[in-house]
Amino acid sequence: MNTSLNAARRRRELASVADGTVDLLVVGGGVTGAGVALDAASRGLDVCLLEARDLAFGTSRWSSKLVHGGLRYLARGEVGLAYESAVERGILMTRTAPHLVRALPQLVPLHGRANDPLVLAGLRAGDVLRRLAGTPSRVLPGPRRVPAVTARALAPGLRGHDLRGGLLGFDGQLVDDARLVVALARTAAGFGARIITRAEVTGLSGREARVRDGLTGETLTIRARAVVNAAGVWAGGLVDVRLRPSRGSHLVLAADAVGLSRTALTVPVPGERNRYALVLPQQDGRVYVGLTDEPVTGPIPDVPTVPEPEVDFLLDVASSVLERTLTRADVLGAFAGLRPLLDTGDGPSADLSRRHAVLTADGVTTVVGGKLTTYRRMAADAVDATGLTAVPSRTKSLPLLGVGPARGPAHLVARYGTEAHRVAEVGEFAWAVRHEGALDVADVLDRRTRIGLVPADRRARETEARQRVEEELAALS
């Protein structure tokens, strides 16, 4: 089982698919597309995945890094969607990717007068879903109320004035969303899927794709028995499907500036009902503050930016529960992702359902909507819809690459699982090129290691990364 992705394998496999017909052609190398490739390949289908740029180039690397149980959906009455999220969270945490997901304590601070019973009831309802989904309490403990002294111990940066305590719950957190995508793609490659990046689809039908090689500029046609369009917010550019993208923005700050260690904060947005911001500690000593939900119109940018008003909004909301007021000087970086929501009519984008949809348009099976947490279910439904096989999906119990007893530095074990000791021997930059399909410096810094989330960190490592990438690519040529 060869799971390594690199430039040499890409050249071979691109040449091989140009000469014949594959069972399934997947367009899009985000979490959904990689999930479709794995689902189909593990059922025995001959699969080719084409990605215009790089794995996890789009929305899949710009999430909150949460694997959540759908508490927000419960509040909106979407019980089925909440249950689906809870089930998929449990699968990731206990079977398919326990090396990439950890339990994240989340504290709702209680300052002044607040509707404590309603919030606590929501947390308890979410815990009922956790139990119904079969996720044990040793993986995700149940919620409870904590006194003010405990709340300050969990989150020292909390404002002490009028703090009455907090409501503590638990959810799942990915060490990194892009690492999940890479693990999916490499696991699929181990089942024989051809994972080809820098391959832009310029025309698509139910039986073939016109493709431009982003490295050579050459064009070719790839034929298939069926096609799945998993291009996310770009899906509407390939077939006739109407999307209403929504922007979710985050800020990157130092944990010391916020006063957090391992416990996240769920912060009520002042003046609004059932709307919260998240303050999320990360493994690397950083904190992400998010999340907005704003409609986006016009052309889809390659890399969305965070508008200035959203920076101020997120700083203000986070500061509302902290001892120290956060300012622009505390912002180390920022990122935004575009949710590929299906256009179902009028109303704010925040009110659009996050339920995924599998559609057939122009002979192509298109999967849109959904959440990172439910990628596996989305992928299984998309493969089922192609009608290519009667073999049921295997991915509910299929561990991703890296699952198992691991050794090596703790920070690498958390990102690479069983491969951590091998990564430590050669370095992350070399590993990304040799085994994870990285083809340039941006692939390494912005998607494999995520150093690029903080521009100053990126500048400090760019020369080193460039030299190593050039050396590794030369060795593979």
Protein backbone atom coordinates (compact mmCIF):
# COMPACT_ATOMS: atom_id res chain seq x y z
CA MET A 1 0.00 0.00 0.00
CA ASN A 2 1.84 3.09 -1.26
CA THR A 3 0.46 6.19 0.45
CA SER A 4 3.21 8.63 -0.55
CA LEU A 5 2.23 11.56 -2.77
CA ASN A 6 4.98 13.44 -4.60
CA ALA A 7 5.94 15.03 -7.91
CA ALA A 8 7.22 11.79 -9.43
CA ARG A 9 4.00 9.91 -8.65
CA ARG A 10 1.96 12.82 -9.98
CA ARG A 11 3.74 12.67 -13.36
CA ARG A 12 3.17 8.92 -13.69
CA GLU A 13 -0.45 9.02 -12.70
CA LEU A 14 -1.36 12.02 -14.84
CA ALA A 15 0.06 10.17 -17.84
CA SER A 16 -1.83 6.99 -16.92
CA VAL A 17 -5.28 8.58 -16.66
CA ALA A 18 -4.87 10.32 -20.02
CA ASP A 19 -4.71 6.93 -21.74
CA GLY A 20 -7.88 5.29 -20.50
CA THR A 21 -11.19 5.57 -18.65
CA VAL A 22 -11.47 5.61 -14.86
CA ASP A 23 -14.52 4.56 -12.90
CA LEU A 24 -14.90 7.81 -10.99
CA LEU A 25 -13.45 11.25 -11.59
CA VAL A 26 -13.55 13.56 -8.57
CA VAL A 27 -13.09 17.31 -9.02
CA GLY A 28 -11.86 19.13 -5.91
CA GLY A 29 -9.15 18.37 -3.37
CA GLY A 30 -10.77 19.67 -0.22
CA VAL A 31 -12.15 17.56 2.61
CA THR A 32 -15.22 16.52 0.61
CA GLY A 33 -13.36 15.62 -2.56
CA ALA A 34 -10.68 13.71 -0.67
CA GLY A 35 -13.43 11.97 1.29
CA VAL A 36 -15.18 10.97 -1.95
CA ALA A 37 -11.92 9.61 -3.37
CA LEU A 38 -11.32 7.51 -0.25
CA ASP A 39 -14.89 6.25 -0.08
CA ALA A 40 -14.91 5.20 -3.73
CA ALA A 41 -11.41 3.72 -3.79
CA SER A 42 -12.04 1.72 -0.62
CA ARG A 43 -15.10 0.19 -2.34
CA GLY A 44 -12.84 -1.05 -5.14
CA LEU A 45 -13.46 1.66 -7.75
CA ASP A 46 -10.73 3.08 -9.99
CA VAL A 47 -10.59 6.72 -8.89
CA CYS A 48 -8.88 9.88 -10.11
CA LEU A 49 -9.06 13.12 -8.10
CA LEU A 50 -8.19 16.40 -9.82
CA GLU A 51 -7.41 19.55 -7.85
CA ALA A 52 -6.73 22.86 -9.60
CA ARG A 53 -4.25 24.03 -6.98
CA ASP A 54 -3.31 22.08 -3.86
CA LEU A 55 -4.93 19.79 -1.32
CA ALA A 56 -6.97 21.83 1.18
CA PHE A 57 -6.39 24.99 -0.86
CA GLY A 58 -9.93 26.33 -0.36
CA THR A 59 -12.46 26.34 2.45
CA SER A 60 -11.15 23.16 4.06
CA ARG A 61 -8.11 24.93 5.53
CA TRP A 62 -10.03 27.97 6.77
CA SER A 63 -12.38 26.34 9.28
CA SER A 64 -12.51 26.83 13.05
CA LYS A 65 -10.75 23.44 13.33
CA LEU A 66 -13.76 22.12 15.27
CA VAL A 67 -15.34 18.69 14.96
CA HIS A 68 -18.61 19.64 16.56
CA GLY A 69 -21.75 17.90 17.68
CA GLY A 70 -24.25 20.27 16.09
CA LEU A 71 -25.36 22.27 19.13
CA ARG A 72 -26.13 25.26 16.91
CA TYR A 73 -28.40 23.09 14.76
CA LEU A 74 -30.32 21.98 17.84
CA ALA A 75 -31.02 25.61 18.70
CA ARG A 76 -32.50 26.04 15.21
CA GLY A 77 -34.63 22.91 15.48
CA GLU A 78 -32.57 20.87 12.96
CA VAL A 79 -32.44 17.80 15.18
CA GLY A 80 -31.58 15.40 12.36
CA LEU A 81 -28.61 17.47 11.26
CA ALA A 82 -27.44 17.84 14.87
CA TYR A 83 -27.62 14.09 15.36
CA GLU A 84 -25.72 13.48 12.11
CA SER A 85 -22.98 15.83 13.32
CA ALA A 86 -22.79 14.07 16.69
CA VAL A 87 -22.49 10.67 15.00
CA GLU A 88 -19.76 11.81 12.62
CA ARG A 89 -17.88 13.53 15.45
CA GLY A 90 -17.88 10.26 17.37
CA ILE A 91 -16.61 8.32 14.35
CA LEU A 92 -13.69 10.71 13.90
CA MET A 93 -12.77 10.76 17.58
CA THR A 94 -13.00 7.03 18.26
CA ARG A 95 -12.34 5.21 14.97
CA THR A 96 -11.08 7.06 11.92
CA ALA A 97 -8.90 9.93 13.16
CA PRO A 98 -8.41 9.88 16.95
CA HIS A 99 -4.80 10.99 16.40
CA LEU A 100 -5.98 14.27 14.83
CA VAL A 101 -8.91 15.12 17.12
CA ARG A 102 -8.92 15.87 20.84
CA ALA A 103 -11.60 16.79 23.35
CA LEU A 104 -11.80 20.55 23.73
CA PRO A 105 -13.21 22.02 26.94
CA GLN A 106 -15.42 25.02 26.12
CA LEU A 107 -16.48 27.51 28.77
CA VAL A 108 -19.46 29.84 28.53
CA PRO A 109 -18.57 32.59 31.03
CA LEU A 110 -21.45 33.95 33.10
CA HIS A 111 -21.11 37.66 33.76
CA GLY A 112 -23.86 39.75 35.30
CA ARG A 113 -27.35 38.67 34.35
CA ALA A 114 -27.52 35.88 31.80
CA ASN A 115 -30.00 33.24 30.69
CA ASP A 116 -28.09 30.42 32.38
CA PRO A 117 -30.87 27.77 32.38
CA LEU A 118 -31.45 28.07 28.63
CA VAL A 119 -27.76 27.73 27.77
CA LEU A 120 -27.28 24.84 30.18
CA ALA A 121 -30.34 23.10 28.74
CA GLY A 122 -28.78 23.38 25.28
CA LEU A 123 -25.53 21.85 26.50
CA ARG A 124 -27.43 19.01 28.15
CA ALA A 125 -29.43 18.40 24.99
CA GLY A 126 -26.15 18.21 23.08
CA ASP A 127 -24.91 15.67 25.62
CA VAL A 128 -28.01 13.55 25.00
CA LEU A 129 -27.06 13.50 21.31
CA ARG A 130 -23.52 12.52 22.30
CA ARG A 131 -24.87 9.52 24.18
CA LEU A 132 -27.29 8.58 21.39
CA ALA A 133 -24.40 8.75 18.93
CA GLY A 134 -22.47 6.26 21.08
CA THR A 135 -19.54 8.52 21.98
CA PRO A 136 -18.35 7.52 25.47
CA SER A 137 -17.97 10.08 28.24
CA ARG A 138 -14.28 9.19 28.58
CA VAL A 139 -13.89 10.74 25.10
CA LEU A 140 -16.28 13.67 25.62
CA PRO A 141 -17.30 14.37 29.24
CA GLY A 142 -20.72 15.73 30.00
CA PRO A 143 -21.44 19.41 30.68
CA ARG A 144 -21.58 21.02 34.10
CA ARG A 145 -21.77 24.35 35.84
CA VAL A 146 -18.57 25.59 37.51
CA PRO A 147 -18.06 28.34 40.11
CA ALA A 148 -16.21 31.56 39.36
CA VAL A 149 -12.96 30.37 40.91
CA THR A 150 -12.92 27.32 38.62
CA ALA A 151 -13.84 29.41 35.60
CA ARG A 152 -10.84 31.70 36.28
CA ALA A 153 -8.59 28.67 36.77
CA LEU A 154 -9.67 27.29 33.39
CA ALA A 155 -9.40 30.67 31.65
CA PRO A 156 -7.20 33.07 33.66
CA GLY A 157 -7.84 35.90 31.24
CA LEU A 158 -11.54 36.13 32.12
CA ARG A 159 -12.78 39.39 33.60
CA GLY A 160 -13.22 38.89 37.32
CA HIS A 161 -15.76 41.66 37.84
CA ASP A 162 -19.34 40.30 38.08
CA LEU A 163 -18.22 36.80 37.05
CA ARG A 164 -20.70 34.35 38.59
CA GLY A 165 -19.16 31.20 37.15
CA GLY A 166 -19.40 29.36 33.88
CA LEU A 167 -20.97 26.52 31.95
CA LEU A 168 -18.43 23.93 30.86
CA GLY A 169 -19.00 21.64 27.91
CA PHE A 170 -16.81 19.59 25.58
CA ASP A 171 -16.52 19.25 21.82
CA GLY A 172 -14.01 17.92 19.33
CA GLN A 173 -11.06 19.93 17.96
CA LEU A 174 -8.80 19.07 15.04
CA VAL A 175 -5.11 19.76 15.47
CA ASP A 176 -5.39 21.11 11.92
CA ASP A 177 -8.04 20.85 9.21
CA ALA A 178 -5.56 20.70 6.32
CA ARG A 179 -3.86 17.72 7.97
CA LEU A 180 -7.17 15.86 7.90
CA VAL A 181 -7.43 16.48 4.15
CA VAL A 182 -3.89 15.25 3.55
CA ALA A 183 -4.56 12.13 5.64
CA LEU A 184 -7.71 11.43 3.61
CA ALA A 185 -5.94 11.91 0.29
CA ARG A 186 -2.99 9.72 1.23
CA THR A 187 -5.25 7.00 2.63
CA ALA A 188 -7.16 7.08 -0.66
CA ALA A 189 -3.87 6.86 -2.55
CA GLY A 190 -3.09 3.74 -0.56
CA PHE A 191 -6.22 2.18 -2.05
CA GLY A 192 -5.03 3.10 -5.53
CA ALA A 193 -6.70 6.47 -6.07
CA ARG A 194 -4.79 8.85 -8.34
CA ILE A 195 -4.51 12.18 -6.44
CA ILE A 196 -3.41 14.85 -8.92
CA THR A 197 -2.96 18.48 -7.90
CA ARG A 198 -2.21 21.45 -10.19
CA ALA A 199 -4.74 19.98 -12.63
CA GLU A 200 -7.39 22.56 -13.48
CA VAL A 201 -10.67 21.33 -14.94
CA THR A 202 -11.68 23.76 -17.70
CA GLY A 203 -14.69 21.82 -18.96
CA LEU A 204 -16.81 19.09 -17.41
CA SER A 205 -19.52 16.65 -18.44
CA GLY A 206 -20.87 13.44 -16.96
CA ARG A 207 -18.30 11.38 -18.84
CA GLU A 208 -15.15 13.44 -19.19
CA ALA A 209 -13.15 16.47 -18.12
CA ARG A 210 -10.95 18.81 -20.07
CA VAL A 211 -7.88 19.46 -17.95
CA ARG A 212 -4.96 21.88 -18.01
CA ASP A 213 -1.74 20.77 -16.34
CA GLY A 214 -0.82 23.67 -14.08
CA LEU A 215 2.88 22.76 -14.18
CA THR A 216 3.40 22.32 -17.93
CA GLY A 217 0.43 24.15 -19.45
CA GLU A 218 -0.46 21.08 -21.52
CA THR A 219 -4.11 20.11 -21.98
CA LEU A 220 -5.67 16.66 -21.94
CA THR A 221 -9.00 14.89 -21.66
CA ILE A 222 -9.77 12.43 -18.88
CA ARG A 223 -12.71 10.07 -19.38
CA ALA A 224 -14.76 8.45 -16.62
CA ARG A 225 -17.85 6.32 -16.07
CA ALA A 226 -19.09 8.93 -13.60
CA VAL A 227 -18.04 12.35 -12.30
CA VAL A 228 -18.41 13.94 -8.85
CA ASN A 229 -18.07 17.72 -8.58
CA ALA A 230 -16.74 18.48 -5.09
CA ALA A 231 -15.23 21.86 -5.94
CA GLY A 232 -16.85 23.67 -3.00
CA VAL A 233 -17.52 27.36 -3.60
CA TRP A 234 -16.23 26.91 -7.16
CA ALA A 235 -18.71 24.12 -7.95
CA GLY A 236 -21.10 26.50 -9.72
CA GLY A 237 -18.41 27.38 -12.25
CA LEU A 238 -18.41 23.80 -13.54
CA VAL A 239 -22.14 22.92 -13.63
CA ASP A 240 -25.44 24.73 -13.24
CA VAL A 241 -25.87 24.90 -9.47
CA ARG A 242 -26.70 28.04 -7.46
CA LEU A 243 -24.68 28.75 -4.35
CA ARG A 244 -24.76 31.54 -1.79
CA PRO A 245 -21.28 31.66 -0.26
CA SER A 246 -20.95 32.87 3.30
CA ARG A 247 -17.71 34.20 4.78
CA GLY A 248 -16.45 32.98 8.14
CA SER A 249 -13.57 35.10 9.46
CA HIS A 250 -11.03 34.37 12.19
CA LEU A 251 -8.21 36.26 13.88
CA VAL A 252 -4.95 34.70 15.10
CA LEU A 253 -3.62 35.94 18.45
CA ALA A 254 -1.09 34.79 21.03
CA ALA A 255 -2.60 32.76 23.85
CA ASP A 256 -0.72 34.86 26.41
CA ALA A 257 -2.41 38.02 25.14
CA VAL A 258 -5.84 36.49 25.66
CA GLY A 259 -5.06 34.65 28.87
CA LEU A 260 -5.99 31.13 27.75
CA SER A 261 -4.30 27.76 27.98
CA ARG A 262 -6.37 24.71 26.92
CA THR A 263 -9.95 25.83 27.54
CA ALA A 264 -11.90 27.60 24.80
CA LEU A 265 -14.44 30.35 25.40
CA THR A 266 -17.92 30.52 23.92
CA VAL A 267 -18.80 34.20 24.12
CA PRO A 268 -22.35 35.53 23.72
CA VAL A 269 -22.51 38.33 21.17
CA PRO A 270 -23.81 41.36 23.08
CA GLY A 271 -27.32 42.39 22.07
CA GLU A 272 -28.06 39.23 20.03
CA ARG A 273 -29.85 36.02 20.87
CA ASN A 274 -28.32 32.60 20.23
CA ARG A 275 -25.25 34.04 18.55
CA TYR A 276 -21.78 33.37 19.91
CA ALA A 277 -18.15 33.99 19.07
CA LEU A 278 -15.46 31.42 19.78
CA VAL A 279 -12.05 31.92 21.33
CA LEU A 280 -10.14 28.74 20.51
CA PRO A 281 -6.69 27.83 21.92
CA GLN A 282 -4.40 25.91 19.57
CA GLN A 283 -1.57 23.45 20.11
CA ASP A 284 1.07 25.96 18.98
CA GLY A 285 0.35 28.59 21.64
CA ARG A 286 -1.93 30.62 19.40
CA VAL A 287 -5.62 31.42 19.72
CA TYR A 288 -8.20 31.72 16.96
CA VAL A 289 -11.04 34.19 17.48
CA GLY A 290 -14.07 33.71 15.24
CA LEU A 291 -16.55 33.34 13.67
CA THR A 292 -18.51 35.61 11.36
CA ASP A 293 -21.26 34.63 8.92
CA GLU A 294 -21.51 37.23 6.18
CA PRO A 295 -22.88 36.83 2.62
CA VAL A 296 -20.43 37.13 -0.26
CA THR A 297 -21.30 38.26 -3.76
CA GLY A 298 -19.31 38.54 -6.96
CA PRO A 299 -16.33 36.49 -8.17
CA ILE A 300 -14.92 33.92 -5.77
CA PRO A 301 -11.37 34.90 -4.65
CA ASP A 302 -8.63 32.30 -4.45
CA VAL A 303 -7.83 33.39 -0.89
CA PRO A 304 -10.54 35.38 0.92
CA THR A 305 -9.52 38.25 3.16
CA VAL A 306 -10.98 39.46 6.45
CA PRO A 307 -12.68 42.87 6.12
CA GLU A 308 -11.65 45.49 8.65
CA PRO A 309 -15.12 45.76 10.27
CA GLU A 310 -15.03 42.03 11.03
CA VAL A 311 -11.64 42.40 12.72
CA ASP A 312 -13.10 45.05 15.03
CA PHE A 313 -16.24 43.00 15.64
CA LEU A 314 -14.31 39.90 16.71
CA LEU A 315 -11.93 41.86 18.95
CA ASP A 316 -14.85 43.64 20.62
CA VAL A 317 -16.83 40.46 21.27
CA ALA A 318 -13.84 38.57 22.68
CA SER A 319 -12.88 41.55 24.85
CA SER A 320 -16.37 41.70 26.35
CA VAL A 321 -15.52 38.80 28.69
CA LEU A 322 -11.79 39.40 29.20
CA GLU A 323 -9.86 41.31 31.81
CA ARG A 324 -7.76 42.90 29.09
CA THR A 325 -9.15 44.71 26.04
CA LEU A 326 -7.77 43.24 22.82
CA THR A 327 -6.51 45.64 20.16
CA ARG A 328 -5.27 45.51 16.57
CA ALA A 329 -1.73 45.23 17.94
CA ASP A 330 -2.62 41.79 19.33
CA VAL A 331 -3.59 40.41 15.90
CA LEU A 332 -0.82 38.19 14.52
CA GLY A 333 -2.77 37.03 11.49
CA ALA A 334 -6.24 36.55 10.08
CA PHE A 335 -8.02 34.13 7.76
CA ALA A 336 -11.44 33.67 6.21
CA GLY A 337 -13.21 30.79 4.52
CA LEU A 338 -16.23 30.73 2.22
CA ARG A 339 -18.97 28.23 3.04
CA PRO A 340 -20.43 26.61 -0.14
CA LEU A 341 -24.07 26.96 0.91
CA LEU A 342 -26.85 25.93 -1.45
CA ASP A 343 -29.06 28.84 -2.48
CA THR A 344 -32.50 27.89 -1.16
CA GLY A 345 -34.17 31.30 -1.35
CA ASP A 346 -34.31 34.59 0.52
CA GLY A 347 -33.03 35.37 3.98
CA PRO A 348 -29.61 35.92 5.58
CA SER A 349 -26.87 33.44 4.80
CA ALA A 350 -26.66 32.68 8.52
CA ASP A 351 -30.16 31.20 8.25
CA LEU A 352 -29.34 28.84 5.38
CA SER A 353 -29.20 25.19 6.35
CA ARG A 354 -25.80 23.52 6.73
CA ARG A 355 -27.28 20.24 5.52
CA HIS A 356 -25.45 18.93 2.48
CA ALA A 357 -27.08 18.28 -0.87
CA VAL A 358 -26.19 15.80 -3.61
CA LEU A 359 -27.50 17.03 -6.96
CA THR A 360 -27.37 15.84 -10.55
CA ALA A 361 -26.80 18.57 -13.10
CA ASP A 362 -25.45 18.22 -16.65
CA GLY A 363 -24.87 14.53 -15.96
CA VAL A 364 -22.50 15.37 -13.10
CA THR A 365 -23.07 14.46 -9.44
CA THR A 366 -22.43 17.60 -7.41
CA VAL A 367 -22.11 17.66 -3.62
CA VAL A 368 -22.39 21.02 -1.84
CA GLY A 369 -23.22 22.45 1.57
CA GLY A 370 -22.45 20.49 4.69
CA LYS A 371 -19.75 20.94 7.28
CA LEU A 372 -16.23 19.63 7.75
CA THR A 373 -17.50 17.37 10.54
CA THR A 374 -19.89 15.55 8.20
CA TYR A 375 -17.52 15.16 5.23
CA ARG A 376 -17.61 11.33 5.47
CA ARG A 377 -21.39 11.16 5.21
CA MET A 378 -21.33 13.64 2.32
CA ALA A 379 -18.77 11.53 0.51
CA ALA A 380 -20.68 8.28 1.00
CA ASP A 381 -23.91 9.86 -0.27
CA ALA A 382 -22.12 11.24 -3.34
CA VAL A 383 -20.60 7.88 -4.26
CA ASP A 384 -23.95 6.15 -3.73
CA ALA A 385 -25.58 8.68 -6.06
CA THR A 386 -23.26 7.77 -8.94
CA GLY A 387 -24.69 4.25 -9.05
CA LEU A 388 -21.26 2.83 -9.85
CA THR A 389 -21.25 0.12 -7.20
CA ALA A 390 -23.54 -1.80 -4.90
CA VAL A 391 -20.72 -2.22 -2.36
CA PRO A 392 -21.65 -0.24 0.77
CA SER A 393 -19.42 2.48 2.17
CA ARG A 394 -16.58 1.22 4.37
CA THR A 395 -15.35 4.52 5.76
CA LYS A 396 -17.29 4.44 9.04
CA SER A 397 -14.72 2.01 10.43
CA LEU A 398 -11.72 2.72 8.19
CA PRO A 399 -8.82 4.31 10.12
CA LEU A 400 -6.98 7.09 8.33
CA LEU A 401 -3.25 7.06 7.83
CA GLY A 402 -1.51 7.76 11.15
CA VAL A 403 -3.90 6.00 13.51
CA GLY A 404 -2.25 3.73 16.07
CA PRO A 405 0.41 3.72 18.79
CA ALA A 406 2.90 6.46 17.95
CA ARG A 407 6.33 7.56 19.07
CA GLY A 408 8.26 10.76 18.53
CA PRO A 409 8.05 14.39 19.68
CA ALA A 410 4.63 15.17 21.12
CA HIS A 411 3.90 18.04 18.73
CA LEU A 412 4.62 15.78 15.75
CA VAL A 413 2.62 12.86 17.15
CA ALA A 414 -0.38 15.20 17.39
CA ARG A 415 -0.03 16.08 13.70
CA TYR A 416 1.31 12.91 12.10
CA GLY A 417 0.35 10.05 14.41
CA THR A 418 2.30 6.87 13.69
CA GLU A 419 4.51 8.65 11.16
CA ALA A 420 5.82 11.18 13.70
CA HIS A 421 9.17 9.46 14.27
CA ARG A 422 9.84 9.32 10.52
CA VAL A 423 8.93 13.00 10.13
CA ALA A 424 11.32 13.86 12.97
CA GLU A 425 14.16 12.12 11.13
CA VAL A 426 13.87 14.12 7.88
CA GLY A 427 12.03 17.31 8.93
CA GLU A 428 8.54 18.51 8.10
CA PHE A 429 9.57 20.41 4.96
CA ALA A 430 11.22 17.39 3.36
CA TRP A 431 8.41 15.10 4.47
CA ALA A 432 5.80 17.35 2.85
CA VAL A 433 7.55 17.09 -0.54
CA ARG A 434 8.50 13.42 -0.37
CA HIS A 435 5.24 12.02 0.98
CA GLU A 436 2.44 14.62 1.10
CA GLY A 437 2.34 15.99 -2.44
CA ALA A 438 3.77 19.45 -1.73
CA LEU A 439 5.07 21.00 -4.97
CA ASP A 440 6.22 24.45 -3.86
CA VAL A 441 6.94 26.64 -0.85
CA ALA A 442 3.33 27.75 -0.45
CA ASP A 443 2.18 24.12 -0.24
CA VAL A 444 4.66 23.53 2.58
CA LEU A 445 4.22 26.72 4.60
CA ASP A 446 0.54 27.47 4.03
CA ARG A 447 -1.06 24.02 3.96
CA ARG A 448 1.22 21.24 5.27
CA THR A 449 2.73 23.02 8.30
CA ARG A 450 0.40 26.08 8.58
CA ILE A 451 3.36 28.30 9.47
CA GLY A 452 1.92 30.80 6.99
CA LEU A 453 -1.08 31.60 9.20
CA VAL A 454 1.13 34.21 10.85
CA PRO A 455 2.84 36.34 8.16
CA ALA A 456 5.85 37.13 10.34
CA ASP A 457 6.46 33.42 10.94
CA ARG A 458 6.15 32.75 7.22
CA ARG A 459 8.76 35.37 6.35
CA ALA A 460 11.15 33.95 8.93
CA ARG A 461 11.00 30.43 7.46
CA GLU A 462 10.53 31.12 3.74
CA THR A 463 14.19 31.00 2.69
CA GLU A 464 14.79 27.76 4.56
CA ALA A 465 11.64 26.21 3.12
CA ARG A 466 12.43 27.28 -0.43
CA GLN A 467 15.91 25.76 -0.31
CA ARG A 468 14.62 22.47 1.08
CA VAL A 469 11.73 22.23 -1.38
CA GLU A 470 14.05 22.85 -4.34
CA GLU A 471 16.44 20.16 -3.12
CA GLU A 472 13.69 17.61 -2.63
CA LEU A 473 12.00 18.30 -5.96
CA ALA A 474 15.32 17.99 -7.75
CA ALA A 475 15.83 14.58 -6.17
CA LEU A 476 12.39 13.47 -7.43
CA SER A 477 12.88 14.69 -11.01
